[in-house]
Amino acid sequence: MGRTVPSSRMAIEPEIERLMKMIEYIHEPEVKRALKEIVEAYADIAPVFRAVPPYDKTYAILLAGLLRTMKRLEVIEQKLDIKG
């Protein structure tokens, strides 16, 4: 019998749990907040990875964080353009 590929959720959840455990040990509030936001950002893009599984679980989480950061940057740029 052939082996089945684990779902992206099954593959990524242990990594998210590991990162959340790391957050408990970080003392700098800015770093703690940033890592927590990266992990939470994964929920925004998780449906995409269910359709197209990522080749690497860490890649999926970091890409989610990067995309959220880009969205926030666009909002800031728009606000600056309005005020500027």
C-alpha atoms as a PDB file:
ATOM      1  CA  MET A   1       0.000   0.000   0.000  1.00  0.00           C
ATOM      2  CA  GLY A   2       1.125   3.506  -0.755  1.00  0.00           C
ATOM      3  CA  ARG A   3       1.721   6.092   1.898  1.00  0.00           C
ATOM      4  CA  THR A   4      -0.484   9.121   2.076  1.00  0.00           C
ATOM      5  CA  VAL A   5       0.829  12.632   2.349  1.00  0.00           C
ATOM      6  CA  PRO A   6      -0.222  14.325   5.601  1.00  0.00           C
ATOM      7  CA  SER A   7      -2.527  17.287   5.242  1.00  0.00           C
ATOM      8  CA  SER A   8      -0.902  20.696   5.471  1.00  0.00           C
ATOM      9  CA  ARG A   9      -2.678  21.253   8.788  1.00  0.00           C
ATOM     10  CA  MET A  10      -1.267  18.021  10.209  1.00  0.00           C
ATOM     11  CA  ALA A  11       2.194  18.927   8.962  1.00  0.00           C
ATOM     12  CA  ILE A  12       2.198  22.546  10.127  1.00  0.00           C
ATOM     13  CA  GLU A  13       0.375  22.335  13.476  1.00  0.00           C
ATOM     14  CA  PRO A  14       3.345  20.781  15.314  1.00  0.00           C
ATOM     15  CA  GLU A  15       5.574  23.587  14.047  1.00  0.00           C
ATOM     16  CA  ILE A  16       3.070  26.218  15.192  1.00  0.00           C
ATOM     17  CA  GLU A  17       2.907  24.553  18.616  1.00  0.00           C
ATOM     18  CA  ARG A  18       6.710  24.575  18.777  1.00  0.00           C
ATOM     19  CA  LEU A  19       6.830  28.288  17.910  1.00  0.00           C
ATOM     20  CA  MET A  20       4.152  29.084  20.502  1.00  0.00           C
ATOM     21  CA  LYS A  21       6.268  27.262  23.090  1.00  0.00           C
ATOM     22  CA  MET A  22       9.280  29.365  22.027  1.00  0.00           C
ATOM     23  CA  ILE A  23       7.239  32.527  22.546  1.00  0.00           C
ATOM     24  CA  GLU A  24       6.839  31.622  26.220  1.00  0.00           C
ATOM     25  CA  TYR A  25      10.611  31.888  26.683  1.00  0.00           C
ATOM     26  CA  ILE A  26      11.192  35.157  24.820  1.00  0.00           C
ATOM     27  CA  HIS A  27      11.702  38.096  27.165  1.00  0.00           C
ATOM     28  CA  GLU A  28      11.728  41.022  24.715  1.00  0.00           C
ATOM     29  CA  PRO A  29       8.104  42.177  24.240  1.00  0.00           C
ATOM     30  CA  GLU A  30       8.686  43.373  20.669  1.00  0.00           C
ATOM     31  CA  VAL A  31      10.180  40.053  19.575  1.00  0.00           C
ATOM     32  CA  LYS A  32       7.485  38.105  21.397  1.00  0.00           C
ATOM     33  CA  ARG A  33       4.751  40.173  19.759  1.00  0.00           C
ATOM     34  CA  ALA A  34       6.328  39.867  16.294  1.00  0.00           C
ATOM     35  CA  LEU A  35       6.709  36.089  16.463  1.00  0.00           C
ATOM     36  CA  LYS A  36       3.190  35.685  17.813  1.00  0.00           C
ATOM     37  CA  GLU A  37       1.833  37.774  14.953  1.00  0.00           C
ATOM     38  CA  ILE A  38       3.733  35.704  12.394  1.00  0.00           C
ATOM     39  CA  VAL A  39       2.257  32.512  13.830  1.00  0.00           C
ATOM     40  CA  GLU A  40      -1.240  34.016  13.956  1.00  0.00           C
ATOM     41  CA  ALA A  41      -0.901  35.225  10.363  1.00  0.00           C
ATOM     42  CA  TYR A  42      -0.811  31.623   9.206  1.00  0.00           C
ATOM     43  CA  ALA A  43      -4.582  31.406   9.763  1.00  0.00           C
ATOM     44  CA  ASP A  44      -5.047  34.032   7.022  1.00  0.00           C
ATOM     45  CA  ILE A  45      -3.342  31.915   4.381  1.00  0.00           C
ATOM     46  CA  ALA A  46      -4.041  28.379   5.652  1.00  0.00           C
ATOM     47  CA  PRO A  47      -6.840  27.750   3.103  1.00  0.00           C
ATOM     48  CA  VAL A  48      -4.377  28.382   0.275  1.00  0.00           C
ATOM     49  CA  PHE A  49      -1.994  25.793   1.667  1.00  0.00           C
ATOM     50  CA  ARG A  50      -4.819  23.276   1.961  1.00  0.00           C
ATOM     51  CA  ALA A  51      -5.292  23.580  -1.795  1.00  0.00           C
ATOM     52  CA  VAL A  52      -1.582  23.833  -2.634  1.00  0.00           C
ATOM     53  CA  PRO A  53       0.447  22.162   0.124  1.00  0.00           C
ATOM     54  CA  PRO A  54       3.712  23.917   0.954  1.00  0.00           C
ATOM     55  CA  TYR A  55       6.956  22.065   0.415  1.00  0.00           C
ATOM     56  CA  ASP A  56       8.176  23.234   3.828  1.00  0.00           C
ATOM     57  CA  LYS A  57       6.168  23.998   6.973  1.00  0.00           C
ATOM     58  CA  THR A  58       8.443  26.813   8.130  1.00  0.00           C
ATOM     59  CA  TYR A  59       8.181  28.405   4.687  1.00  0.00           C
ATOM     60  CA  ALA A  60       4.391  28.441   4.977  1.00  0.00           C
ATOM     61  CA  ILE A  61       4.446  30.166   8.366  1.00  0.00           C
ATOM     62  CA  LEU A  62       7.079  32.726   7.368  1.00  0.00           C
ATOM     63  CA  LEU A  63       5.308  33.472   4.085  1.00  0.00           C
ATOM     64  CA  ALA A  64       2.104  34.132   6.013  1.00  0.00           C
ATOM     65  CA  GLY A  65       3.955  36.558   8.286  1.00  0.00           C
ATOM     66  CA  LEU A  66       5.569  38.284   5.322  1.00  0.00           C
ATOM     67  CA  LEU A  67       2.229  38.699   3.557  1.00  0.00           C
ATOM     68  CA  ARG A  68       0.634  40.204   6.660  1.00  0.00           C
ATOM     69  CA  THR A  69       3.565  42.595   7.011  1.00  0.00           C
ATOM     70  CA  MET A  70       3.205  43.655   3.377  1.00  0.00           C
ATOM     71  CA  LYS A  71      -0.512  44.319   3.880  1.00  0.00           C
ATOM     72  CA  ARG A  72       0.238  46.484   6.922  1.00  0.00           C
ATOM     73  CA  LEU A  73       2.940  48.343   5.031  1.00  0.00           C
ATOM     74  CA  GLU A  74       0.501  49.137   2.220  1.00  0.00           C
ATOM     75  CA  VAL A  75      -1.987  50.562   4.730  1.00  0.00           C
ATOM     76  CA  ILE A  76       0.724  52.734   6.285  1.00  0.00           C
ATOM     77  CA  GLU A  77       1.860  53.944   2.861  1.00  0.00           C
ATOM     78  CA  GLN A  78      -1.713  54.848   1.915  1.00  0.00           C
ATOM     79  CA  LYS A  79      -2.165  56.800   5.151  1.00  0.00           C
ATOM     80  CA  LEU A  80       1.082  58.670   4.560  1.00  0.00           C
ATOM     81  CA  ASP A  81       0.050  59.539   1.005  1.00  0.00           C
ATOM     82  CA  ILE A  82      -3.254  60.958   2.260  1.00  0.00           C
ATOM     83  CA  LYS A  83      -1.539  63.069   4.909  1.00  0.00           C
ATOM     84  CA  GLY A  84       1.463  63.994   2.769  1.00  0.00           C
END
